[in-house]
């Protein structure tokens, strides 16, 4: 069993070599004579030394800080992301710096300035320009959260199009609904753009003509209330309001109930994310569950690895699974996950 107390300096003293030689042997790098290598290996085996990869990463870093770039901080989604990111950063003894780009005209410049103060940055998809992202990747390790990366920039996300297609398909095929409305703004948000694409694809797969345009609103709960007012004013309600996230859906639920409509008898409402409130409202919200904390935790792991291994090739992007969780807001009696998980 490895002795976690013995240090690289003690192994160097016991083997009669320098600390640098022990590091080269344990990391498999550099030139070391066979005799010195064997002495180091014997000392490592005898005392159960385990190289401190965290220490190596810390030594390679300059600032002991990581950056997070979001459009804003309102709502449970960003809170979950921060907690997930910190779950990896804090044990690695790295502080977390957060930059919100909402309403900033100089977002690109501010993010590039942040790169001078941190050892790596996770950038929410759509928050900075592609040219700024390429420049940023030349300065520090970068990971894109919930958006496309690039040749040298890995990304961490979910297959939003597939997830929304499965949710929409459930409404169309299992419940026989036809007049569906998508609420969310695809422009400027890779997540919402992919969800809109999945919504359209589900219609086409069943030979149905989808709506030509979404109802464009922002991603917060009051925007869902406004969307419901717009959709329900002086017209018959649609069969379903398919929302780009849970916050919009919760607002739409408030707006619909305020107008005296019954959900799901008069109107079906669905969300995306499976925020904590989704299971607690009445009726409970049908939605897509995505592992929000794990998305951010994976991004932090990739950055910490890259910061500790300068010059290493960029890792592949990571796609985490999702689940469609059907609850009473779509007319299902109990919570289930039809069709299992998606990629």
Protein backbone atom coordinates (compact mmCIF):
# COMPACT_ATOMS: atom_id res chain seq x y z
CA UNK A 1 0.00 0.00 0.00
CA UNK A 2 1.32 3.46 -0.90
CA UNK A 3 2.67 5.68 1.84
CA UNK A 4 0.93 9.01 1.30
CA UNK A 5 3.20 10.70 3.87
CA UNK A 6 6.55 10.22 2.16
CA UNK A 7 7.51 13.06 -0.16
CA UNK A 8 9.48 13.36 -3.35
CA UNK A 9 12.29 15.03 -1.40
CA UNK A 10 12.56 12.05 0.94
CA UNK A 11 12.68 9.64 -2.00
CA UNK A 12 15.43 11.77 -3.54
CA UNK A 13 17.42 11.67 -0.28
CA UNK A 14 16.99 7.92 0.14
CA UNK A 15 18.03 7.24 -3.46
CA UNK A 16 20.89 9.72 -3.33
CA UNK A 17 19.61 11.72 -6.31
CA UNK A 18 18.05 15.10 -6.99
CA UNK A 19 14.35 15.86 -6.74
CA UNK A 20 14.36 16.53 -10.48
CA UNK A 21 15.66 13.01 -11.14
CA UNK A 22 12.87 11.47 -9.05
CA UNK A 23 10.33 13.55 -10.98
CA UNK A 24 11.75 12.46 -14.33
CA UNK A 25 11.63 8.79 -13.32
CA UNK A 26 8.12 8.90 -11.82
CA UNK A 27 6.77 10.88 -14.80
CA UNK A 28 8.65 8.84 -17.41
CA UNK A 29 10.20 11.95 -18.94
CA UNK A 30 13.75 13.15 -19.56
CA UNK A 31 17.05 11.29 -19.66
CA UNK A 32 18.12 9.30 -16.59
CA UNK A 33 20.92 6.74 -16.50
CA UNK A 34 19.84 3.12 -15.93
CA UNK A 35 21.70 3.02 -12.59
CA UNK A 36 20.02 6.14 -11.19
CA UNK A 37 16.64 5.07 -12.55
CA UNK A 38 16.89 1.73 -10.75
CA UNK A 39 17.89 3.39 -7.48
CA UNK A 40 14.86 5.66 -7.68
CA UNK A 41 12.54 2.79 -8.60
CA UNK A 42 13.87 0.70 -5.70
CA UNK A 43 13.24 3.55 -3.25
CA UNK A 44 9.76 4.12 -4.65
CA UNK A 45 8.87 0.43 -4.35
CA UNK A 46 10.38 0.04 -0.88
CA UNK A 47 8.57 3.02 0.61
CA UNK A 48 5.38 2.88 -1.45
CA UNK A 49 5.79 6.39 -2.80
CA UNK A 50 2.94 7.65 -5.00
CA UNK A 51 3.63 10.70 -7.18
CA UNK A 52 1.53 13.73 -6.28
CA UNK A 53 -0.09 14.56 -9.62
CA UNK A 54 -2.07 17.31 -7.95
CA UNK A 55 1.16 18.81 -6.72
CA UNK A 56 2.57 18.62 -10.21
CA UNK A 57 -0.45 20.43 -11.56
CA UNK A 58 -0.15 23.08 -8.87
CA UNK A 59 3.53 23.55 -9.64
CA UNK A 60 2.76 24.07 -13.32
CA UNK A 61 0.11 26.70 -12.60
CA UNK A 62 0.95 30.32 -12.02
CA UNK A 63 -2.13 31.73 -10.33
CA UNK A 64 -3.97 28.96 -8.50
CA UNK A 65 -7.23 30.20 -10.02
CA UNK A 66 -9.70 29.11 -12.70
CA UNK A 67 -12.18 31.26 -14.59
CA UNK A 68 -15.88 30.78 -15.39
CA UNK A 69 -17.59 32.90 -18.03
CA UNK A 70 -21.40 33.04 -17.99
CA UNK A 71 -23.98 35.30 -19.61
CA UNK A 72 -25.48 35.91 -16.13
CA UNK A 73 -26.03 34.32 -12.73
CA UNK A 74 -29.80 34.32 -12.27
CA UNK A 75 -31.64 31.07 -11.72
CA UNK A 76 -30.82 27.57 -10.49
CA UNK A 77 -28.98 26.47 -13.64
CA UNK A 78 -25.97 28.70 -13.07
CA UNK A 79 -25.95 27.94 -9.35
CA UNK A 80 -25.67 24.23 -10.17
CA UNK A 81 -22.87 24.91 -12.65
CA UNK A 82 -20.88 26.89 -10.10
CA UNK A 83 -21.26 24.17 -7.47
CA UNK A 84 -20.13 21.51 -9.93
CA UNK A 85 -17.11 23.55 -11.03
CA UNK A 86 -16.07 24.26 -7.45
CA UNK A 87 -16.41 20.57 -6.53
CA UNK A 88 -13.25 19.98 -8.60
CA UNK A 89 -11.51 23.34 -8.21
CA UNK A 90 -11.61 23.54 -4.40
CA UNK A 91 -9.94 20.15 -3.73
CA UNK A 92 -7.26 21.21 -6.22
CA UNK A 93 -6.74 24.37 -4.13
CA UNK A 94 -7.82 26.64 -6.98
CA UNK A 95 -10.04 29.67 -6.49
CA UNK A 96 -12.81 30.38 -9.00
CA UNK A 97 -13.22 33.74 -10.73
CA UNK A 98 -16.58 34.44 -12.40
CA UNK A 99 -17.24 36.89 -15.23
CA UNK A 100 -20.78 37.67 -16.42
CA UNK A 101 -21.02 38.96 -19.98
CA UNK A 102 -24.68 40.03 -19.96
CA UNK A 103 -25.07 43.66 -21.12
CA UNK A 104 -21.29 44.02 -21.59
CA UNK A 105 -20.24 45.45 -24.92
CA UNK A 106 -16.62 44.55 -24.22
CA UNK A 107 -17.13 40.86 -23.34
CA UNK A 108 -14.32 39.62 -25.56
CA UNK A 109 -11.82 42.08 -24.10
CA UNK A 110 -12.89 41.31 -20.53
CA UNK A 111 -12.46 37.56 -21.01
CA UNK A 112 -9.03 38.01 -22.57
CA UNK A 113 -8.09 40.22 -19.62
CA UNK A 114 -9.26 37.48 -17.24
CA UNK A 115 -6.81 35.08 -18.92
CA UNK A 116 -3.97 37.09 -17.36
CA UNK A 117 -5.21 36.22 -13.86
CA UNK A 118 -6.20 32.53 -14.14
CA UNK A 119 -4.71 29.22 -15.26
CA UNK A 120 -7.65 28.14 -17.40
CA UNK A 121 -11.19 29.20 -18.30
CA UNK A 122 -14.54 27.50 -18.86
CA UNK A 123 -16.63 29.57 -21.26
CA UNK A 124 -20.38 29.19 -21.64
CA UNK A 125 -21.25 28.63 -25.30
CA UNK A 126 -22.29 31.79 -27.11
CA UNK A 127 -20.85 34.26 -24.59
CA UNK A 128 -17.82 35.40 -26.63
CA UNK A 129 -16.99 35.55 -30.33
CA UNK A 130 -15.28 32.69 -32.15
CA UNK A 131 -12.23 34.85 -32.83
CA UNK A 132 -11.91 35.70 -29.12
CA UNK A 133 -12.26 32.01 -28.27
CA UNK A 134 -9.38 31.14 -30.61
CA UNK A 135 -7.22 33.89 -29.12
CA UNK A 136 -8.11 32.75 -25.60
CA UNK A 137 -7.07 29.18 -26.40
CA UNK A 138 -3.60 30.46 -27.29
CA UNK A 139 -3.27 32.02 -23.83
CA UNK A 140 -4.68 29.44 -21.37
CA UNK A 141 -6.44 26.06 -21.41
CA UNK A 142 -10.08 26.62 -22.42
CA UNK A 143 -13.18 24.43 -22.28
CA UNK A 144 -16.54 25.42 -23.77
CA UNK A 145 -19.56 24.58 -21.63
CA UNK A 146 -22.82 23.80 -23.43
CA UNK A 147 -21.64 24.86 -26.86
CA UNK A 148 -19.35 23.88 -29.74
CA UNK A 149 -15.62 23.96 -29.13
CA UNK A 150 -13.10 23.69 -31.93
CA UNK A 151 -9.95 21.93 -33.10
CA UNK A 152 -7.95 23.05 -30.06
CA UNK A 153 -10.85 23.75 -27.70
CA UNK A 154 -12.73 20.83 -26.11
CA UNK A 155 -16.35 21.13 -25.11
CA UNK A 156 -18.55 19.57 -22.45
CA UNK A 157 -22.29 19.33 -23.02
CA UNK A 158 -25.30 17.18 -23.79
CA UNK A 159 -27.04 16.28 -27.03
CA UNK A 160 -29.76 18.91 -26.75
CA UNK A 161 -31.29 18.13 -30.12
CA UNK A 162 -31.69 14.43 -29.36
CA UNK A 163 -33.11 15.13 -25.90
CA UNK A 164 -35.68 17.65 -27.15
CA UNK A 165 -36.59 15.38 -30.05
CA UNK A 166 -37.37 12.57 -27.60
CA UNK A 167 -39.44 14.84 -25.37
CA UNK A 168 -41.36 16.32 -28.31
CA UNK A 169 -41.84 12.86 -29.80
CA UNK A 170 -43.41 11.74 -26.53
CA UNK A 171 -45.99 14.53 -26.76
CA UNK A 172 -46.73 13.87 -30.43
CA UNK A 173 -46.70 10.07 -30.46
CA UNK A 174 -47.81 9.08 -26.97
CA UNK A 175 -50.30 11.86 -26.27
CA UNK A 176 -51.41 12.58 -29.84
CA UNK A 177 -50.87 16.33 -29.48
CA UNK A 178 -50.50 18.35 -32.66
CA UNK A 179 -50.55 22.11 -31.93
CA UNK A 180 -47.20 22.51 -30.16
CA UNK A 181 -45.46 25.84 -29.58
CA UNK A 182 -41.73 26.18 -28.77
CA UNK A 183 -40.83 29.00 -26.38
CA UNK A 184 -37.21 30.20 -26.38
CA UNK A 185 -34.79 32.20 -28.50
CA UNK A 186 -32.46 30.03 -30.62
CA UNK A 187 -30.28 32.93 -31.76
CA UNK A 188 -27.22 33.46 -29.55
CA UNK A 189 -27.63 30.30 -27.47
CA UNK A 190 -26.18 27.01 -28.77
CA UNK A 191 -28.32 25.08 -26.27
CA UNK A 192 -31.60 26.67 -27.33
CA UNK A 193 -30.69 26.47 -31.01
CA UNK A 194 -30.14 22.72 -30.69
CA UNK A 195 -33.37 22.27 -28.71
CA UNK A 196 -35.34 24.13 -31.38
CA UNK A 197 -33.73 21.84 -33.99
CA UNK A 198 -34.75 18.77 -31.99
CA UNK A 199 -38.31 20.10 -31.65
CA UNK A 200 -38.54 20.51 -35.43
CA UNK A 201 -36.94 17.11 -36.11
CA UNK A 202 -39.48 15.28 -33.96
CA UNK A 203 -42.34 16.68 -36.07
CA UNK A 204 -40.65 15.76 -39.34
CA UNK A 205 -39.85 12.23 -38.17
CA UNK A 206 -43.60 11.67 -37.76
CA UNK A 207 -44.44 13.31 -41.09
CA UNK A 208 -45.90 16.40 -39.39
CA UNK A 209 -45.43 20.04 -40.36
CA UNK A 210 -43.72 21.90 -37.49
CA UNK A 211 -44.29 25.54 -36.55
CA UNK A 212 -42.25 27.96 -38.62
CA UNK A 213 -41.12 30.17 -35.74
CA UNK A 214 -40.63 29.89 -31.97
CA UNK A 215 -41.97 32.33 -29.43
CA UNK A 216 -38.81 34.27 -28.66
CA UNK A 217 -38.26 35.18 -25.00
CA UNK A 218 -35.37 35.25 -22.55
CA UNK A 219 -34.64 32.32 -20.25
CA UNK A 220 -36.04 33.50 -16.91
CA UNK A 221 -39.29 32.76 -15.12
CA UNK A 222 -40.94 36.19 -15.71
CA UNK A 223 -40.34 35.65 -19.44
CA UNK A 224 -42.39 32.46 -19.23
CA UNK A 225 -45.27 34.40 -17.70
CA UNK A 226 -45.08 36.91 -20.55
CA UNK A 227 -44.99 34.10 -23.12
CA UNK A 228 -48.10 32.54 -21.62
CA UNK A 229 -49.90 35.89 -21.75
CA UNK A 230 -48.90 36.29 -25.39
CA UNK A 231 -50.02 32.78 -26.34
CA UNK A 232 -53.27 32.75 -24.39
CA UNK A 233 -54.55 36.25 -25.10
CA UNK A 234 -57.68 36.20 -27.26
CA UNK A 235 -57.03 32.79 -28.77
CA UNK A 236 -57.53 29.13 -28.14
CA UNK A 237 -54.59 27.70 -26.19
CA UNK A 238 -52.23 25.43 -28.11
CA UNK A 239 -52.09 21.77 -27.19
CA UNK A 240 -48.67 22.24 -25.56
CA UNK A 241 -46.07 24.84 -24.70
CA UNK A 242 -42.63 23.27 -25.08
CA UNK A 243 -40.16 25.49 -23.21
CA UNK A 244 -36.43 25.83 -23.76
CA UNK A 245 -35.75 25.52 -20.02
CA UNK A 246 -37.54 24.91 -16.74
CA UNK A 247 -37.58 28.56 -15.71
CA UNK A 248 -39.61 29.52 -18.77
CA UNK A 249 -41.88 26.52 -18.14
CA UNK A 250 -42.46 27.46 -14.50
CA UNK A 251 -43.36 30.98 -15.57
CA UNK A 252 -45.69 29.66 -18.28
CA UNK A 253 -47.33 27.44 -15.66
CA UNK A 254 -47.96 30.48 -13.44
CA UNK A 255 -49.36 32.41 -16.40
CA UNK A 256 -51.65 29.58 -17.52
CA UNK A 257 -53.01 28.87 -14.05
CA UNK A 258 -53.54 32.60 -13.53
CA UNK A 259 -55.83 32.61 -16.57
CA UNK A 260 -57.87 29.77 -15.14
CA UNK A 261 -56.50 27.03 -17.41
CA UNK A 262 -55.97 23.54 -16.10
CA UNK A 263 -52.62 21.85 -16.72
CA UNK A 264 -52.55 19.32 -18.34
CA UNK A 265 -56.29 19.05 -19.09
CA UNK A 266 -56.44 22.33 -21.06
CA UNK A 267 -52.77 22.86 -21.81
CA UNK A 268 -49.59 20.76 -21.58
CA UNK A 269 -46.38 22.49 -20.44
CA UNK A 270 -42.86 21.01 -20.53
CA UNK A 271 -39.38 22.26 -19.61
CA UNK A 272 -35.72 21.33 -19.88
CA UNK A 273 -33.01 20.88 -17.16
CA UNK A 274 -35.00 19.23 -14.33
CA UNK A 275 -34.32 22.02 -11.87
CA UNK A 276 -35.25 21.21 -8.25
CA UNK A 277 -38.56 23.08 -8.48
CA UNK A 278 -39.69 21.00 -11.47
CA UNK A 279 -40.71 18.08 -9.25
CA UNK A 280 -42.21 20.27 -6.52
CA UNK A 281 -44.73 22.45 -8.38
CA UNK A 282 -48.33 21.36 -8.98
CA UNK A 283 -48.63 19.73 -11.38
CA UNK A 284 -45.03 18.42 -11.42
CA UNK A 285 -43.21 19.41 -14.59
CA UNK A 286 -42.37 17.07 -17.46
CA UNK A 287 -38.84 17.95 -18.51
CA UNK A 288 -35.41 16.74 -19.63
CA UNK A 289 -32.92 15.95 -16.91
CA UNK A 290 -29.37 16.95 -17.71
CA UNK A 291 -26.43 16.51 -15.30
CA UNK A 292 -25.72 20.20 -14.82
CA UNK A 293 -23.25 19.83 -11.94
CA UNK A 294 -21.35 17.08 -13.73
CA UNK A 295 -21.06 19.22 -16.86
CA UNK A 296 -19.17 21.87 -14.91
CA UNK A 297 -17.18 19.31 -12.91
CA UNK A 298 -15.97 17.70 -16.16
CA UNK A 299 -14.97 21.11 -17.51
CA UNK A 300 -12.94 21.81 -14.37
CA UNK A 301 -11.23 18.41 -14.60
CA UNK A 302 -10.22 19.06 -18.20
CA UNK A 303 -8.81 22.48 -17.32
CA UNK A 304 -6.89 21.21 -14.29
CA UNK A 305 -5.41 18.40 -16.35
CA UNK A 306 -4.39 20.78 -19.13
CA UNK A 307 -2.92 23.26 -16.62
CA UNK A 308 -0.83 20.48 -15.10
CA UNK A 309 0.29 19.10 -18.46
CA UNK A 310 1.35 22.09 -20.59
CA UNK A 311 1.64 21.26 -24.27
CA UNK A 312 -0.51 18.14 -24.05
CA UNK A 313 -2.92 17.72 -26.99
CA UNK A 314 -6.46 18.97 -26.41
CA UNK A 315 -8.75 16.18 -25.17
CA UNK A 316 -11.86 15.08 -27.00
CA UNK A 317 -15.13 16.79 -26.22
CA UNK A 318 -17.44 15.14 -23.69
CA UNK A 319 -21.16 14.49 -24.23
CA UNK A 320 -23.06 13.49 -21.08
CA UNK A 321 -26.37 11.59 -21.08
CA UNK A 322 -29.84 13.07 -20.58
CA UNK A 323 -33.19 11.64 -19.48
CA UNK A 324 -36.71 12.57 -20.47
CA UNK A 325 -38.67 12.71 -17.19
CA UNK A 326 -42.42 12.66 -17.76
CA UNK A 327 -44.64 13.95 -14.97
CA UNK A 328 -48.21 15.17 -14.66
CA UNK A 329 -47.78 18.44 -16.60
CA UNK A 330 -47.95 16.42 -19.84
CA UNK A 331 -50.76 14.17 -18.66
CA UNK A 332 -48.72 11.19 -17.47
CA UNK A 333 -49.86 9.99 -14.04
CA UNK A 334 -46.42 9.28 -12.52
CA UNK A 335 -42.82 10.21 -13.17
CA UNK A 336 -41.11 7.90 -15.66
CA UNK A 337 -38.24 8.05 -18.14
CA UNK A 338 -39.58 6.78 -21.48
CA UNK A 339 -37.00 5.27 -23.76
CA UNK A 340 -34.27 5.43 -21.13
CA UNK A 341 -31.38 7.83 -21.37
CA UNK A 342 -30.00 9.58 -24.40
CA UNK A 343 -26.41 10.13 -25.30
